[in-house]
Each structure stands twice: as C-alpha cells, then as structure tokens.
C-alpha atoms as a PDB file:
ATOM      1  CA  MET A   1       0.005  -0.111   0.008  1.00  0.00           C
ATOM      2  CA  LYS A   2       2.851   2.248   0.833  1.00  0.00           C
ATOM      3  CA  LYS A   3       4.671   1.598  -2.504  1.00  0.00           C
ATOM      4  CA  ILE A   4       1.495   2.501  -4.408  1.00  0.00           C
ATOM      5  CA  LEU A   5       0.949   5.606  -2.512  1.00  0.00           C
ATOM      6  CA  TRP A   6       4.400   6.732  -3.106  1.00  0.00           C
ATOM      7  CA  ILE A   7       4.220   6.255  -6.819  1.00  0.00           C
ATOM      8  CA  GLY A   8       0.993   8.039  -6.923  1.00  0.00           C
ATOM      9  CA  LEU A   9       2.547  11.110  -5.037  1.00  0.00           C
ATOM     10  CA  LEU A  10       5.545  10.896  -7.142  1.00  0.00           C
ATOM     11  CA  VAL A  11       3.302  11.362 -10.373  1.00  0.00           C
ATOM     12  CA  LEU A  12       1.204  13.806  -8.770  1.00  0.00           C
ATOM     13  CA  ASN A  13       4.280  16.037  -7.951  1.00  0.00           C
ATOM     14  CA  PHE A  14       5.715  15.629 -11.365  1.00  0.00           C
ATOM     15  CA  SER A  15       2.331  16.555 -12.965  1.00  0.00           C
ATOM     16  CA  SER A  16       1.849  19.584 -10.706  1.00  0.00           C
ATOM     17  CA  ALA A  17       5.395  20.867 -11.384  1.00  0.00           C
ATOM     18  CA  GLN A  18       4.839  20.862 -15.222  1.00  0.00           C
ATOM     19  CA  ALA A  19       2.192  23.623 -14.797  1.00  0.00           C
ATOM     20  CA  GLY A  20       4.974  25.732 -13.511  1.00  0.00           C
ATOM     21  CA  GLY A  21       6.977  25.652 -16.629  1.00  0.00           C
ATOM     22  CA  ASP A  22       9.606  23.343 -18.124  1.00  0.00           C
ATOM     23  CA  SER A  23      12.679  24.699 -16.061  1.00  0.00           C
ATOM     24  CA  THR A  24      10.431  24.112 -12.977  1.00  0.00           C
ATOM     25  CA  PHE A  25       9.447  20.701 -13.782  1.00  0.00           C
ATOM     26  CA  LEU A  26      12.968  19.557 -14.637  1.00  0.00           C
ATOM     27  CA  GLN A  27      14.294  20.883 -11.189  1.00  0.00           C
ATOM     28  CA  GLN A  28      11.662  18.857  -9.529  1.00  0.00           C
ATOM     29  CA  VAL A  29      12.535  15.577 -11.329  1.00  0.00           C
ATOM     30  CA  ILE A  30      15.991  16.115 -10.535  1.00  0.00           C
ATOM     31  CA  GLU A  31      15.020  16.214  -6.842  1.00  0.00           C
ATOM     32  CA  GLY A  32      12.649  13.621  -7.176  1.00  0.00           C
ATOM     33  CA  LYS A  33      12.671  10.321  -4.981  1.00  0.00           C
ATOM     34  CA  GLN A  34      12.897   8.154  -7.964  1.00  0.00           C
ATOM     35  CA  ARG A  35      16.698   9.157  -7.941  1.00  0.00           C
ATOM     36  CA  SER A  36      19.248   7.327  -5.684  1.00  0.00           C
ATOM     37  CA  ALA A  37      20.919   9.292  -2.749  1.00  0.00           C
ATOM     38  CA  GLU A  38      24.162   8.131  -4.453  1.00  0.00           C
ATOM     39  CA  HIS A  39      23.402   9.585  -7.788  1.00  0.00           C
ATOM     40  CA  LYS A  40      22.204  12.962  -6.272  1.00  0.00           C
ATOM     41  CA  ALA A  41      25.422  13.273  -4.319  1.00  0.00           C
ATOM     42  CA  ARG A  42      27.352  13.542  -7.729  1.00  0.00           C
ATOM     43  CA  ASP A  43      25.013  16.379  -8.820  1.00  0.00           C
ATOM     44  CA  LYS A  44      27.697  18.950  -7.643  1.00  0.00           C
ATOM     45  CA  TYR A  45      30.299  17.336 -10.254  1.00  0.00           C
ATOM     46  CA  ARG A  46      27.691  16.369 -12.989  1.00  0.00           C
ATOM     47  CA  HIS A  47      25.354  19.470 -12.935  1.00  0.00           C
ATOM     48  CA  PRO A  48      22.407  17.987 -14.582  1.00  0.00           C
ATOM     49  CA  LEU A  49      20.144  21.179 -14.448  1.00  0.00           C
ATOM     50  CA  GLN A  50      22.505  23.154 -16.198  1.00  0.00           C
ATOM     51  CA  THR A  51      23.778  20.485 -18.597  1.00  0.00           C
ATOM     52  CA  LEU A  52      20.463  19.436 -19.706  1.00  0.00           C
ATOM     53  CA  GLU A  53      19.306  23.269 -20.136  1.00  0.00           C
ATOM     54  CA  PHE A  54      22.588  23.970 -22.166  1.00  0.00           C
ATOM     55  CA  PHE A  55      21.361  21.230 -24.564  1.00  0.00           C
ATOM     56  CA  ASP A  56      17.986  22.716 -24.595  1.00  0.00           C
ATOM     57  CA  VAL A  57      16.167  19.503 -23.649  1.00  0.00           C
ATOM     58  CA  LYS A  58      12.412  20.282 -23.447  1.00  0.00           C
ATOM     59  CA  GLU A  59       9.883  17.903 -22.008  1.00  0.00           C
ATOM     60  CA  ASN A  60       8.004  17.393 -25.291  1.00  0.00           C
ATOM     61  CA  MET A  61      11.115  16.096 -27.484  1.00  0.00           C
ATOM     62  CA  THR A  62      12.222  12.719 -28.672  1.00  0.00           C
ATOM     63  CA  VAL A  63      15.745  12.089 -26.830  1.00  0.00           C
ATOM     64  CA  VAL A  64      18.185   9.330 -27.232  1.00  0.00           C
ATOM     65  CA  GLU A  65      20.509   8.482 -24.368  1.00  0.00           C
ATOM     66  CA  ILE A  66      23.480   6.669 -25.647  1.00  0.00           C
ATOM     67  CA  TRP A  67      24.997   3.845 -23.305  1.00  0.00           C
ATOM     68  CA  PRO A  68      23.192   4.838 -20.301  1.00  0.00           C
ATOM     69  CA  GLY A  69      25.193   2.526 -18.053  1.00  0.00           C
ATOM     70  CA  GLU A  70      23.412   2.181 -14.768  1.00  0.00           C
ATOM     71  CA  GLY A  71      20.883   4.952 -15.666  1.00  0.00           C
ATOM     72  CA  TRP A  72      22.295   7.969 -13.860  1.00  0.00           C
ATOM     73  CA  TYR A  73      20.705  10.462 -16.311  1.00  0.00           C
ATOM     74  CA  THR A  74      17.868   7.931 -17.097  1.00  0.00           C
ATOM     75  CA  GLU A  75      16.612   8.556 -13.690  1.00  0.00           C
ATOM     76  CA  ILE A  76      16.118  12.274 -14.702  1.00  0.00           C
ATOM     77  CA  LEU A  77      15.330  11.812 -18.565  1.00  0.00           C
ATOM     78  CA  ALA A  78      12.576   9.221 -18.232  1.00  0.00           C
ATOM     79  CA  PRO A  79      10.244  10.775 -15.846  1.00  0.00           C
ATOM     80  CA  TYR A  80      11.086  14.249 -17.615  1.00  0.00           C
ATOM     81  CA  LEU A  81       9.962  13.061 -20.967  1.00  0.00           C
ATOM     82  CA  ARG A  82       7.431  10.464 -19.690  1.00  0.00           C
ATOM     83  CA  ASN A  83       4.048  12.447 -20.247  1.00  0.00           C
ATOM     84  CA  LYS A  84       4.941  14.608 -23.372  1.00  0.00           C
ATOM     85  CA  GLY A  85       7.860  13.277 -25.093  1.00  0.00           C
ATOM     86  CA  LYS A  86       9.957  10.121 -25.685  1.00  0.00           C
ATOM     87  CA  LEU A  87      13.269   8.476 -24.525  1.00  0.00           C
ATOM     88  CA  TYR A  88      15.206   5.916 -26.482  1.00  0.00           C
ATOM     89  CA  ALA A  89      17.851   4.446 -24.022  1.00  0.00           C
ATOM     90  CA  ALA A  90      20.482   2.970 -26.556  1.00  0.00           C
ATOM     91  CA  HIS A  91      22.130   0.393 -24.550  1.00  0.00           C
ATOM     92  CA  PHE A  92      24.373  -2.651 -24.880  1.00  0.00           C
ATOM     93  CA  SER A  93      23.325  -5.768 -26.743  1.00  0.00           C
ATOM     94  CA  ALA A  94      22.098  -8.854 -24.774  1.00  0.00           C
ATOM     95  CA  ASP A  95      24.355 -10.837 -26.971  1.00  0.00           C
ATOM     96  CA  ALA A  96      27.602  -8.710 -26.279  1.00  0.00           C
ATOM     97  CA  LYS A  97      30.689 -10.831 -25.752  1.00  0.00           C
ATOM     98  CA  GLU A  98      32.182  -8.660 -23.238  1.00  0.00           C
ATOM     99  CA  PRO A  99      30.692  -9.848 -19.758  1.00  0.00           C
ATOM    100  CA  TYR A 100      30.743  -5.951 -18.508  1.00  0.00           C
ATOM    101  CA  PHE A 101      28.254  -5.031 -21.097  1.00  0.00           C
ATOM    102  CA  LYS A 102      25.793  -7.999 -20.371  1.00  0.00           C
ATOM    103  CA  LYS A 103      25.712  -7.484 -16.669  1.00  0.00           C
ATOM    104  CA  SER A 104      25.386  -3.705 -17.179  1.00  0.00           C
ATOM    105  CA  LEU A 105      22.282  -4.275 -19.528  1.00  0.00           C
ATOM    106  CA  GLU A 106      20.872  -6.690 -17.140  1.00  0.00           C
ATOM    107  CA  ASN A 107      21.226  -4.262 -14.245  1.00  0.00           C
ATOM    108  CA  PHE A 108      19.589  -1.472 -16.297  1.00  0.00           C
ATOM    109  CA  ILE A 109      16.756  -3.616 -17.172  1.00  0.00           C
ATOM    110  CA  LYS A 110      16.162  -4.611 -13.694  1.00  0.00           C
ATOM    111  CA  LYS A 111      16.340  -1.067 -12.505  1.00  0.00           C
ATOM    112  CA  ILE A 112      13.526   0.023 -15.153  1.00  0.00           C
ATOM    113  CA  HIS A 113      11.348  -2.761 -13.903  1.00  0.00           C
ATOM    114  CA  LYS A 114      11.585  -1.796 -10.288  1.00  0.00           C
ATOM    115  CA  GLN A 115       9.838   1.453 -11.053  1.00  0.00           C
ATOM    116  CA  PRO A 116       7.328   1.159 -14.026  1.00  0.00           C
ATOM    117  CA  LYS A 117       5.520   4.298 -13.124  1.00  0.00           C
ATOM    118  CA  VAL A 118       8.798   6.077 -13.989  1.00  0.00           C
ATOM    119  CA  TYR A 119      10.585   3.873 -16.662  1.00  0.00           C
ATOM    120  CA  ASP A 120       7.521   2.112 -18.341  1.00  0.00           C
ATOM    121  CA  LYS A 121       7.550   4.337 -21.526  1.00  0.00           C
ATOM    122  CA  VAL A 122      11.296   4.090 -22.019  1.00  0.00           C
ATOM    123  CA  GLU A 123      12.121   2.352 -25.447  1.00  0.00           C
ATOM    124  CA  LEU A 124      15.437   0.266 -25.300  1.00  0.00           C
ATOM    125  CA  THR A 125      17.621   0.054 -28.443  1.00  0.00           C
ATOM    126  CA  VAL A 126      20.914  -1.464 -29.174  1.00  0.00           C
ATOM    127  CA  LEU A 127      24.176   0.099 -29.775  1.00  0.00           C
ATOM    128  CA  GLN A 128      26.799  -2.237 -30.389  1.00  0.00           C
ATOM    129  CA  PRO A 129      29.205  -1.422 -33.267  1.00  0.00           C
ATOM    130  CA  PRO A 130      29.697  -2.775 -35.706  1.00  0.00           C
ATOM    131  CA  GLU A 131      26.644  -4.756 -35.846  1.00  0.00           C
ATOM    132  CA  PHE A 132      23.843  -2.743 -34.088  1.00  0.00           C
ATOM    133  CA  LEU A 133      23.800   1.018 -34.943  1.00  0.00           C
ATOM    134  CA  GLN A 134      20.018   1.958 -35.311  1.00  0.00           C
ATOM    135  CA  ILE A 135      19.804   3.795 -32.039  1.00  0.00           C
ATOM    136  CA  ALA A 136      16.314   5.318 -33.007  1.00  0.00           C
ATOM    137  CA  PRO A 137      14.193   5.634 -35.998  1.00  0.00           C
ATOM    138  CA  ALA A 138      16.167   7.659 -38.798  1.00  0.00           C
ATOM    139  CA  GLY A 139      15.517  11.477 -38.475  1.00  0.00           C
ATOM    140  CA  SER A 140      13.133  10.917 -35.323  1.00  0.00           C
ATOM    141  CA  ALA A 141      15.130  12.397 -32.536  1.00  0.00           C
ATOM    142  CA  ASP A 142      15.189  16.065 -31.496  1.00  0.00           C
ATOM    143  CA  ARG A 143      18.330  15.358 -29.102  1.00  0.00           C
ATOM    144  CA  VAL A 144      20.952  12.782 -29.033  1.00  0.00           C
ATOM    145  CA  LEU A 145      22.781  12.790 -25.449  1.00  0.00           C
ATOM    146  CA  THR A 146      25.915  11.142 -24.528  1.00  0.00           C
ATOM    147  CA  PHE A 147      27.767  11.165 -21.186  1.00  0.00           C
ATOM    148  CA  ARG A 148      31.584  10.238 -20.866  1.00  0.00           C
ATOM    149  CA  ASN A 149      31.314   7.532 -23.807  1.00  0.00           C
ATOM    150  CA  VAL A 150      33.631   8.916 -26.711  1.00  0.00           C
ATOM    151  CA  HIS A 151      36.807   7.304 -25.285  1.00  0.00           C
ATOM    152  CA  ASN A 152      35.172   4.038 -24.959  1.00  0.00           C
ATOM    153  CA  TRP A 153      34.254   4.325 -28.918  1.00  0.00           C
ATOM    154  CA  MET A 154      37.842   5.453 -29.531  1.00  0.00           C
ATOM    155  CA  LYS A 155      39.590   2.608 -27.731  1.00  0.00           C
ATOM    156  CA  ASN A 156      37.632   0.072 -29.906  1.00  0.00           C
ATOM    157  CA  ASP A 157      38.055   2.052 -33.027  1.00  0.00           C
ATOM    158  CA  GLN A 158      34.154   2.625 -33.289  1.00  0.00           C
ATOM    159  CA  ALA A 159      33.852   6.549 -32.832  1.00  0.00           C
ATOM    160  CA  ALA A 160      33.241   7.272 -36.643  1.00  0.00           C
ATOM    161  CA  ALA A 161      30.550   4.662 -36.670  1.00  0.00           C
ATOM    162  CA  VAL A 162      28.698   5.959 -33.542  1.00  0.00           C
ATOM    163  CA  PHE A 163      28.857   9.378 -34.623  1.00  0.00           C
ATOM    164  CA  ASN A 164      27.298   8.536 -38.043  1.00  0.00           C
ATOM    165  CA  ALA A 165      24.577   6.626 -36.113  1.00  0.00           C
ATOM    166  CA  MET A 166      23.958   9.546 -33.906  1.00  0.00           C
ATOM    167  CA  TYR A 167      23.663  11.793 -36.880  1.00  0.00           C
ATOM    168  CA  LYS A 168      21.026   9.420 -38.666  1.00  0.00           C
ATOM    169  CA  ALA A 169      18.993   9.372 -35.796  1.00  0.00           C
ATOM    170  CA  LEU A 170      18.611  12.968 -35.530  1.00  0.00           C
ATOM    171  CA  LYS A 171      15.963  15.281 -37.280  1.00  0.00           C
ATOM    172  CA  PRO A 172      17.533  17.924 -39.420  1.00  0.00           C
ATOM    173  CA  GLY A 173      17.979  20.888 -36.704  1.00  0.00           C
ATOM    174  CA  GLY A 174      18.459  18.237 -33.977  1.00  0.00           C
ATOM    175  CA  ILE A 175      21.202  18.568 -31.398  1.00  0.00           C
ATOM    176  CA  LEU A 176      23.937  16.321 -30.375  1.00  0.00           C
ATOM    177  CA  GLY A 177      25.175  16.866 -26.686  1.00  0.00           C
ATOM    178  CA  ILE A 178      28.328  15.537 -25.404  1.00  0.00           C
ATOM    179  CA  VAL A 179      29.926  15.600 -22.111  1.00  0.00           C
ATOM    180  CA  GLU A 180      33.467  14.086 -21.970  1.00  0.00           C
ATOM    181  CA  HIS A 181      36.762  13.962 -19.989  1.00  0.00           C
ATOM    182  CA  ARG A 182      38.882  16.569 -21.184  1.00  0.00           C
ATOM    183  CA  SER A 183      42.438  16.490 -22.047  1.00  0.00           C
ATOM    184  CA  ARG A 184      44.855  19.116 -22.383  1.00  0.00           C
ATOM    185  CA  ALA A 185      44.722  21.074 -25.568  1.00  0.00           C
ATOM    186  CA  SER A 186      48.571  21.056 -25.954  1.00  0.00           C
ATOM    187  CA  LYS A 187      48.915  17.314 -25.647  1.00  0.00           C
ATOM    188  CA  PRO A 188      48.763  15.037 -28.636  1.00  0.00           C
ATOM    189  CA  GLN A 189      45.672  12.891 -28.830  1.00  0.00           C
ATOM    190  CA  ASP A 190      46.068   9.330 -28.209  1.00  0.00           C
ATOM    191  CA  THR A 191      43.653   7.729 -30.838  1.00  0.00           C
ATOM    192  CA  ARG A 192      42.820   5.031 -28.660  1.00  0.00           C
ATOM    193  CA  ALA A 193      42.062   7.404 -25.457  1.00  0.00           C
ATOM    194  CA  GLU A 194      43.780   4.905 -23.145  1.00  0.00           C
ATOM    195  CA  SER A 195      43.876   7.465 -20.391  1.00  0.00           C
ATOM    196  CA  GLY A 196      40.018   8.184 -20.649  1.00  0.00           C
ATOM    197  CA  TYR A 197      40.796  11.878 -21.882  1.00  0.00           C
ATOM    198  CA  VAL A 198      39.887  13.281 -25.072  1.00  0.00           C
ATOM    199  CA  SER A 199      40.715  16.603 -26.461  1.00  0.00           C
ATOM    200  CA  GLU A 200      37.794  19.129 -27.577  1.00  0.00           C
ATOM    201  CA  ASP A 201      39.333  19.414 -31.126  1.00  0.00           C
ATOM    202  CA  TYR A 202      39.275  15.770 -31.527  1.00  0.00           C
ATOM    203  CA  VAL A 203      35.595  15.632 -30.622  1.00  0.00           C
ATOM    204  CA  ILE A 204      34.870  18.469 -32.830  1.00  0.00           C
ATOM    205  CA  ALA A 205      36.793  16.678 -35.561  1.00  0.00           C
ATOM    206  CA  LEU A 206      34.758  13.304 -35.173  1.00  0.00           C
ATOM    207  CA  ALA A 207      31.299  15.319 -35.254  1.00  0.00           C
ATOM    208  CA  ARG A 208      32.333  17.360 -38.050  1.00  0.00           C
ATOM    209  CA  ASN A 209      33.333  14.296 -40.103  1.00  0.00           C
ATOM    210  CA  ALA A 210      29.823  12.736 -39.588  1.00  0.00           C
ATOM    211  CA  GLY A 211      28.389  15.997 -40.986  1.00  0.00           C
ATOM    212  CA  PHE A 212      27.592  17.813 -37.556  1.00  0.00           C
ATOM    213  CA  GLU A 213      28.095  21.502 -37.353  1.00  0.00           C
ATOM    214  CA  TYR A 214      29.538  22.956 -34.136  1.00  0.00           C
ATOM    215  CA  LEU A 215      27.207  24.897 -32.019  1.00  0.00           C
ATOM    216  CA  ALA A 216      28.736  26.123 -28.655  1.00  0.00           C
ATOM    217  CA  LYS A 217      30.491  24.760 -25.523  1.00  0.00           C
ATOM    218  CA  SER A 218      30.087  25.376 -21.803  1.00  0.00           C
ATOM    219  CA  GLU A 219      32.370  25.230 -18.665  1.00  0.00           C
ATOM    220  CA  ILE A 220      29.500  23.823 -16.690  1.00  0.00           C
ATOM    221  CA  ASN A 221      31.377  20.704 -15.854  1.00  0.00           C
ATOM    222  CA  ALA A 222      34.713  22.044 -15.826  1.00  0.00           C
ATOM    223  CA  ASN A 223      37.205  21.026 -12.946  1.00  0.00           C
ATOM    224  CA  SER A 224      40.510  23.012 -12.755  1.00  0.00           C
ATOM    225  CA  LYS A 225      41.963  20.783 -10.028  1.00  0.00           C
ATOM    226  CA  ASP A 226      42.155  17.999 -12.377  1.00  0.00           C
ATOM    227  CA  THR A 227      45.696  17.573 -13.343  1.00  0.00           C
ATOM    228  CA  LYS A 228      44.997  14.714 -15.883  1.00  0.00           C
ATOM    229  CA  ASN A 229      48.067  12.882 -15.029  1.00  0.00           C
ATOM    230  CA  TYR A 230      47.257   9.807 -12.932  1.00  0.00           C
ATOM    231  CA  PRO A 231      48.583   6.131 -12.739  1.00  0.00           C
ATOM    232  CA  GLU A 232      45.203   4.680 -13.715  1.00  0.00           C
ATOM    233  CA  GLY A 233      44.221   7.556 -15.978  1.00  0.00           C
ATOM    234  CA  VAL A 234      41.028   9.367 -15.592  1.00  0.00           C
ATOM    235  CA  TRP A 235      39.536   6.310 -13.344  1.00  0.00           C
ATOM    236  CA  THR A 236      42.126   7.171 -10.437  1.00  0.00           C
ATOM    237  CA  LEU A 237      39.659   9.921  -9.484  1.00  0.00           C
ATOM    238  CA  PRO A 238      36.144   9.510  -8.162  1.00  0.00           C
ATOM    239  CA  PRO A 239      33.748   7.857  -8.662  1.00  0.00           C
ATOM    240  CA  SER A 240      35.989   5.064  -9.869  1.00  0.00           C
ATOM    241  CA  LEU A 241      39.026   5.522  -7.326  1.00  0.00           C
ATOM    242  CA  LYS A 242      40.926   2.558  -9.070  1.00  0.00           C
ATOM    243  CA  LEU A 243      43.609   2.846  -6.678  1.00  0.00           C
ATOM    244  CA  LYS A 244      41.225   2.242  -3.756  1.00  0.00           C
ATOM    245  CA  ASP A 245      42.782   3.445  -0.503  1.00  0.00           C
ATOM    246  CA  LYS A 246      46.016   4.577  -2.096  1.00  0.00           C
ATOM    247  CA  ASP A 247      46.126   8.519  -1.716  1.00  0.00           C
ATOM    248  CA  ARG A 248      42.253   8.216  -1.669  1.00  0.00           C
ATOM    249  CA  ASN A 249      41.911  11.574   0.232  1.00  0.00           C
ATOM    250  CA  LYS A 250      44.286  13.353  -2.280  1.00  0.00           C
ATOM    251  CA  TYR A 251      41.829  12.208  -5.216  1.00  0.00           C
ATOM    252  CA  LEU A 252      38.646  12.746  -3.491  1.00  0.00           C
ATOM    253  CA  ALA A 253      40.064  16.331  -2.691  1.00  0.00           C
ATOM    254  CA  ILE A 254      40.243  16.902  -6.570  1.00  0.00           C
ATOM    255  CA  GLY A 255      36.958  15.426  -7.284  1.00  0.00           C
ATOM    256  CA  GLU A 256      35.591  14.049 -10.620  1.00  0.00           C
ATOM    257  CA  SER A 257      37.337  14.794 -13.944  1.00  0.00           C
ATOM    258  CA  ASP A 258      37.410  18.214 -15.875  1.00  0.00           C
ATOM    259  CA  ARG A 259      34.731  17.763 -18.605  1.00  0.00           C
ATOM    260  CA  MET A 260      33.984  19.259 -21.804  1.00  0.00           C
ATOM    261  CA  THR A 261      30.308  19.987 -22.416  1.00  0.00           C
ATOM    262  CA  ILE A 262      29.674  20.699 -26.120  1.00  0.00           C
ATOM    263  CA  LYS A 263      26.953  20.674 -28.706  1.00  0.00           C
ATOM    264  CA  PHE A 264      26.419  20.007 -32.354  1.00  0.00           C
ATOM    265  CA  ILE A 265      23.678  20.633 -34.783  1.00  0.00           C
ATOM    266  CA  LYS A 266      22.608  18.397 -37.837  1.00  0.00           C
ATOM    267  CA  PRO A 267      22.044  20.869 -40.545  1.00  0.00           C
ATOM    268  CA  LYS A 268      18.568  21.368 -41.961  1.00  0.00           C
END
C-alpha cells in the first residue's frame, strides 16, 4: 500500500510541477525520490540541470540517451520526458561478448522494471558497433545525448560509426550533446584514448566528419583541480577511485574529472 501511495505522489508531484514551466519541472525531477541518494550526491560534479538546459532538452522532445550504463541520467530523463516526450535508451546488446556489457544491460533492465510508473515508456534500443547501430528511427530524434562515452568508442575504433549513427537518428536541426573527460589542448591525442581523456578538437573533428556543425561549448562541468596525469588515467579519480585506498583523500579532494560540455547541430 505504501509503495502504491509513493508512486501516486511521485506522479502527482511531477504533474503539478509541469504547470509551473519546463525548467521548474526539470528541477523537480532532479530532486525526485526516483533518484538514488548516491546519484544525487554527484550532482555537484555533473550539474544535470545546467547541462540539460545547455543542451536545450524540453519535456516534449524525442531524446536518445547513448549507453546509459546504470541509468544516472535515465533517472532524470525518463520521468521528465514520460508524459509529453519520448526516451530511447541505446544500451548494450544482450548478446555482447564482453561480460561487463551484458551485466550492465541486465542491471539497467532490472532498474527500469522496479519503477514502472517512472520507466514504463522508455524504449530500449541497441548500440553495439559494428552490428547494431540503429539507436532510434532515422530522423526521429530532437536530441541525442552521450555522457563520458567517446573514449570508449575510440578505444575500440568505433567512434566514426557511432557518430554516423547519432547523425542518422537526429532530425535536421536536431542537437547532439556531449559530455566527455577533457584532455589538455597541448597534448597530442592518443587515438585510443587509453587515459580516458579526449581533446575538444578531436571530438569536434569526429562530429564534423559525420556531418555535424559545431554550435557551442560550456564550462558547466569543468574542474580546474584535475591535473590529468594519474597512474590509472581518469579512473584514478572518483567515482572509480581505481587505486582504492592509496592517496584516496588526495583524489577525493580533486573530485571528478574536468569535462567538456559541447553541442553540435545536424544541418537542416
């Protein structure tokens, strides 16, 4: 009975907030009980309100979230788009050979099944290059969003294919929003991004090669404390803390990585 009541209040609160405008509703969703406390604790690094506003995401849009992982941003996008828009979650393939990919997908599916009143309208698609590249119907998306994934595609020589897939899914005039660990501009780019860091120029080149036009960038997710020279690359920093207890307080004091926040448009 309590669970049913909580779900009802959640939906009621979201509906009431919508009457106050898109930005008010987005803020209400970000503060909502559907989000885990662990995820909310990272808002100071990931700035979801400012990031989604910079990407100009509206509640009546069709949005594709690329490789949502455990669903950090899905916890926000799903209820935000549920009543008026559409969310495609382009996740890993159930037949992926990599155990991490399969486990990640399984956990994501469990998550969305636990709260059907939040995630019931999320449509799962597959992004697993080179076999699966249709992340949404061609020309259907207003926004395609990806958070800290570009280095993964570079590592497997898949970046060009993924950027082409994102371009294909967007409507003319649609926007691609990217957040990625940012390397030093002066450092030559490792084309496999083994450290997890990628230069802004390299991301811009990938996007332009796929047909996108550069729109703008923001320093919303910048972190000047990030020196970008760690034993285990970006994964030395939180939330990964790959060195575990070694210099833990030092890396916690730095915080999460310095990130570019950049957007592109598919020409009309």
